[in-house]
Amino acid sequence: MRLLVAEADLSLAELLQSRFQQEHFTVQVASASNQISELSEKSPIDLIILDLNLPGIPGLEFLHTIHRRWPEAPVILVSQATSVEERVRGLNAGADDFLVKPFAVAELVARVHAVLRRRNRPVTDTFRFEDLEVNRVSHKVSRNGRAIELSPKEYALLEYLLRHSGRPVSRNSIIEEVWCMHSDSITNVVDVYINYLRKKIDAGSDRPLIRTIRGVGYQIGGNHLPK
């Protein structure tokens, strides 16, 4: 796998290059935006780690340039910004993940592997759970033949619950996986979106699928557990 590490801090860039080479990645390092521009669009890149403080980068709009050059390569943003709002803007602009400096290199390595797993995961067109049907390509959802309209975030939350069907998942894991934020950024957003899903998924059914597991989080399926 081939990584582009676009990092302003040369010592950190060298550390990341060495660490990812240990993980059997081929690593290209850039310390300014012009070095990225000089790379050929035909240069094979499987994932990009992009420092938003890189010289010559005019903010998040540089993501559009990256996506035009390497449309299939996921992007992990790193920045010293600490606000949730900036992280949300980065993710909404098309980033696949966002990590705040200073960070543990081991965490970045884990996030790179996680993003690549998500991108490379074989897609089964249709997933069925009891009378719930989810098309993973079109993102169409129906229950007992009734079409259900979900927002992108509601769909991502439902898919995460389904990947762990029959097992409880914590609010921490949901916020980290679905919202790509650290668990210390938790607000009531998880509970709010669970309620949205319940109104759409379980409405009109005498068999609710989404359950609250007290002291843990949420679960889809598993009638032996308390509602």
Protein backbone atom coordinates (compact mmCIF):
# COMPACT_ATOMS: atom_id res chain seq x y z
CA MET A 1 0.00 0.00 0.00
CA ARG A 2 1.19 3.50 -0.84
CA LEU A 3 0.82 6.46 1.52
CA LEU A 4 1.29 10.15 0.95
CA VAL A 5 2.28 11.85 4.22
CA ALA A 6 1.82 15.60 3.76
CA GLU A 7 3.20 16.94 7.04
CA ALA A 8 4.71 20.35 7.82
CA ASP A 9 6.76 19.10 10.78
CA LEU A 10 9.74 17.39 9.13
CA SER A 11 10.72 15.44 12.25
CA LEU A 12 7.16 14.11 12.58
CA ALA A 13 7.04 13.35 8.86
CA GLU A 14 10.23 11.30 9.13
CA LEU A 15 8.88 9.50 12.18
CA LEU A 16 5.66 8.64 10.36
CA GLN A 17 7.58 7.53 7.29
CA SER A 18 9.70 5.17 9.36
CA ARG A 19 6.72 3.85 11.33
CA PHE A 20 4.57 3.15 8.29
CA GLN A 21 7.46 1.52 6.48
CA GLN A 22 7.58 -0.90 9.40
CA GLU A 23 3.93 -1.60 8.57
CA HIS A 24 5.05 -2.46 4.99
CA PHE A 25 3.71 0.73 3.40
CA THR A 26 5.53 2.63 0.68
CA VAL A 27 5.63 6.22 1.93
CA GLN A 28 5.93 9.47 -0.05
CA VAL A 29 6.57 12.56 2.09
CA ALA A 30 5.64 16.15 1.22
CA SER A 31 6.28 19.18 3.44
CA ALA A 32 4.54 21.86 1.33
CA SER A 33 1.59 22.02 -1.04
CA ASN A 34 3.80 22.63 -4.09
CA GLN A 35 5.46 19.26 -3.50
CA ILE A 36 2.03 17.64 -3.69
CA SER A 37 1.25 19.56 -6.88
CA GLU A 38 4.47 18.31 -8.44
CA LEU A 39 3.38 14.70 -8.00
CA SER A 40 1.91 13.16 -11.11
CA GLU A 41 -1.80 12.40 -11.07
CA LYS A 42 -0.74 8.94 -12.20
CA SER A 43 1.31 8.46 -9.04
CA PRO A 44 -0.41 5.58 -7.27
CA ILE A 45 -1.64 6.69 -3.83
CA ASP A 46 -3.81 4.48 -1.60
CA LEU A 47 -4.25 6.90 1.34
CA ILE A 48 -3.28 10.48 2.17
CA ILE A 49 -2.43 11.91 5.59
CA LEU A 50 -2.86 15.66 5.23
CA ASP A 51 -1.66 18.27 7.72
CA LEU A 52 -3.96 21.30 7.48
CA ASN A 53 -1.05 23.49 8.61
CA LEU A 54 1.00 22.53 5.55
CA PRO A 55 2.54 25.65 3.91
CA GLY A 56 0.60 26.74 0.87
CA ILE A 57 -2.64 24.98 1.77
CA PRO A 58 -5.60 27.41 1.69
CA GLY A 59 -7.65 25.53 4.27
CA LEU A 60 -10.16 22.77 3.70
CA GLU A 61 -10.75 23.72 0.06
CA PHE A 62 -7.42 22.00 -0.69
CA LEU A 63 -9.29 18.74 -0.10
CA HIS A 64 -11.10 19.28 -3.40
CA THR A 65 -7.74 19.48 -5.18
CA ILE A 66 -6.65 16.26 -3.49
CA HIS A 67 -9.87 14.47 -4.45
CA ARG A 68 -9.60 15.60 -8.07
CA ARG A 69 -6.08 14.23 -8.33
CA TRP A 70 -6.67 10.96 -6.43
CA PRO A 71 -10.45 10.40 -6.31
CA GLU A 72 -10.16 6.87 -4.88
CA ALA A 73 -7.68 7.70 -2.09
CA PRO A 74 -9.16 8.28 1.39
CA VAL A 75 -7.84 11.28 3.34
CA ILE A 76 -7.06 11.51 7.04
CA LEU A 77 -6.71 15.11 8.24
CA VAL A 78 -4.39 16.09 11.08
CA SER A 79 -4.37 19.51 12.68
CA GLN A 80 -3.74 21.34 15.91
CA ALA A 81 -7.34 22.59 15.81
CA THR A 82 -9.29 21.37 18.81
CA SER A 83 -12.87 22.47 18.14
CA VAL A 84 -15.51 19.91 17.28
CA GLU A 85 -16.86 22.35 14.68
CA GLU A 86 -13.61 22.32 12.70
CA ARG A 87 -13.47 18.54 12.76
CA VAL A 88 -17.05 18.38 11.55
CA ARG A 89 -16.23 20.82 8.72
CA GLY A 90 -13.29 18.63 7.70
CA LEU A 91 -15.39 15.48 7.63
CA ASN A 92 -18.20 17.22 5.76
CA ALA A 93 -15.63 18.46 3.23
CA GLY A 94 -14.84 14.85 2.35
CA ALA A 95 -12.18 13.67 4.80
CA ASP A 96 -12.45 10.08 5.98
CA ASP A 97 -11.07 10.79 9.45
CA PHE A 98 -9.66 13.64 11.53
CA LEU A 99 -6.95 13.40 14.18
CA VAL A 100 -5.97 16.27 16.48
CA LYS A 101 -2.33 17.01 17.29
CA PRO A 102 -0.56 15.96 19.37
CA PHE A 103 -1.53 12.35 18.74
CA ALA A 104 -0.04 8.93 19.44
CA VAL A 105 1.55 7.49 16.31
CA ALA A 106 0.06 4.10 17.21
CA GLU A 107 -3.43 5.65 17.05
CA LEU A 108 -2.77 7.13 13.61
CA VAL A 109 -1.51 3.76 12.38
CA ALA A 110 -4.67 2.09 13.72
CA ARG A 111 -6.88 4.71 12.06
CA VAL A 112 -5.10 4.25 8.71
CA HIS A 113 -5.73 0.51 8.85
CA ALA A 114 -9.37 1.10 9.88
CA VAL A 115 -10.02 3.50 6.99
CA LEU A 116 -8.42 1.11 4.50
CA ARG A 117 -10.47 -1.79 5.86
CA ARG A 118 -13.67 0.20 5.38
CA ARG A 119 -12.68 1.14 1.84
CA ASN A 120 -11.67 -2.42 0.92
CA ARG A 121 -14.49 -4.28 2.68
CA PRO A 122 -16.40 -6.46 0.21
CA VAL A 123 -19.87 -5.08 -0.28
CA THR A 124 -22.87 -7.39 -0.20
CA ASP A 125 -25.63 -5.62 -2.08
CA THR A 126 -28.40 -6.43 0.37
CA PHE A 127 -28.28 -7.13 4.07
CA ARG A 128 -31.34 -8.60 5.81
CA PHE A 129 -32.03 -8.67 9.53
CA GLU A 130 -35.41 -10.15 10.41
CA ASP A 131 -37.88 -8.02 8.40
CA LEU A 132 -35.39 -5.16 7.91
CA GLU A 133 -33.67 -4.91 4.52
CA VAL A 134 -30.69 -2.66 3.78
CA ASN A 135 -29.09 -2.16 0.37
CA ARG A 136 -25.46 -1.26 1.04
CA VAL A 137 -24.92 0.11 -2.46
CA SER A 138 -27.97 2.35 -2.87
CA HIS A 139 -28.45 2.84 0.91
CA LYS A 140 -32.15 2.09 0.49
CA VAL A 141 -33.77 0.76 3.65
CA SER A 142 -37.12 -0.96 4.10
CA ARG A 143 -38.89 -2.88 6.84
CA ASN A 144 -41.59 -5.39 6.07
CA GLY A 145 -41.78 -3.85 2.61
CA ARG A 146 -42.18 -0.27 3.93
CA ALA A 147 -39.59 2.12 2.46
CA ILE A 148 -37.68 4.14 5.08
CA GLU A 149 -35.93 7.41 4.25
CA LEU A 150 -32.74 7.93 6.28
CA SER A 151 -30.25 10.77 6.37
CA PRO A 152 -26.60 9.82 5.64
CA LYS A 153 -25.74 9.91 9.35
CA GLU A 154 -28.83 7.87 10.31
CA TYR A 155 -27.85 5.29 7.70
CA ALA A 156 -24.26 5.14 8.99
CA LEU A 157 -25.55 4.62 12.53
CA LEU A 158 -27.93 1.86 11.43
CA GLU A 159 -25.21 0.09 9.46
CA TYR A 160 -22.87 0.23 12.46
CA LEU A 161 -25.53 -1.30 14.71
CA LEU A 162 -26.20 -4.01 12.13
CA ARG A 163 -22.50 -4.88 11.89
CA HIS A 164 -22.74 -5.67 15.62
CA SER A 165 -26.25 -7.13 15.59
CA GLY A 166 -27.12 -9.01 18.76
CA ARG A 167 -24.30 -7.31 20.66
CA PRO A 168 -24.38 -4.05 22.62
CA VAL A 169 -22.25 -1.14 21.40
CA SER A 170 -21.25 1.75 23.64
CA ARG A 171 -21.88 5.42 22.97
CA ASN A 172 -18.09 5.86 22.90
CA SER A 173 -17.66 3.36 20.07
CA ILE A 174 -20.58 4.87 18.14
CA ILE A 175 -19.25 8.43 18.36
CA GLU A 176 -15.76 7.29 17.31
CA GLU A 177 -16.93 5.12 14.40
CA VAL A 178 -19.94 7.01 13.04
CA TRP A 179 -18.90 10.59 13.85
CA CYS A 180 -15.13 9.95 13.69
CA MET A 181 -14.55 11.89 16.90
CA HIS A 182 -12.78 11.05 20.13
CA SER A 183 -14.98 9.65 22.86
CA ASP A 184 -14.21 12.71 25.01
CA SER A 185 -16.25 14.74 22.50
CA ILE A 186 -19.48 12.90 23.32
CA THR A 187 -22.64 14.91 23.58
CA ASN A 188 -26.22 13.68 23.49
CA VAL A 189 -25.96 13.43 19.68
CA VAL A 190 -25.93 9.60 19.84
CA ASP A 191 -29.14 9.49 21.89
CA VAL A 192 -30.77 12.01 19.55
CA TYR A 193 -29.95 9.97 16.44
CA ILE A 194 -30.99 6.71 18.10
CA ASN A 195 -34.37 8.32 18.72
CA TYR A 196 -34.53 9.40 15.07
CA LEU A 197 -33.83 5.82 13.98
CA ARG A 198 -36.37 4.35 16.38
CA LYS A 199 -39.11 6.60 15.03
CA LYS A 200 -38.32 5.49 11.48
CA ILE A 201 -37.30 1.84 11.94
CA ASP A 202 -39.60 0.73 14.73
CA ALA A 203 -42.61 2.94 13.97
CA GLY A 204 -45.76 0.87 13.52
CA SER A 205 -44.04 -2.40 14.46
CA ASP A 206 -44.94 -4.52 17.49
CA ARG A 207 -41.37 -5.87 17.47
CA PRO A 208 -38.84 -3.06 18.16
CA LEU A 209 -35.34 -3.83 16.89
CA ILE A 210 -33.30 -1.07 18.54
CA ARG A 211 -32.76 -1.58 22.26
CA THR A 212 -31.19 0.41 25.07
CA ILE A 213 -28.74 -1.60 27.14
CA ARG A 214 -28.57 0.17 30.47
CA GLY A 215 -25.08 1.20 31.49
CA VAL A 216 -23.66 0.14 28.13
CA GLY A 217 -25.27 1.71 25.09
CA TYR A 218 -27.45 0.37 22.31
CA GLN A 219 -28.07 -2.85 20.43
CA ILE A 220 -30.05 -4.01 17.45
CA GLY A 221 -31.81 -7.34 17.91
CA GLY A 222 -31.55 -9.75 20.83
CA ASN A 223 -34.92 -10.03 22.50
CA HIS A 224 -33.45 -11.71 25.57
CA LEU A 225 -32.00 -8.37 26.65
CA PRO A 226 -34.11 -5.76 28.43
CA LYS A 227 -35.62 -3.02 26.35
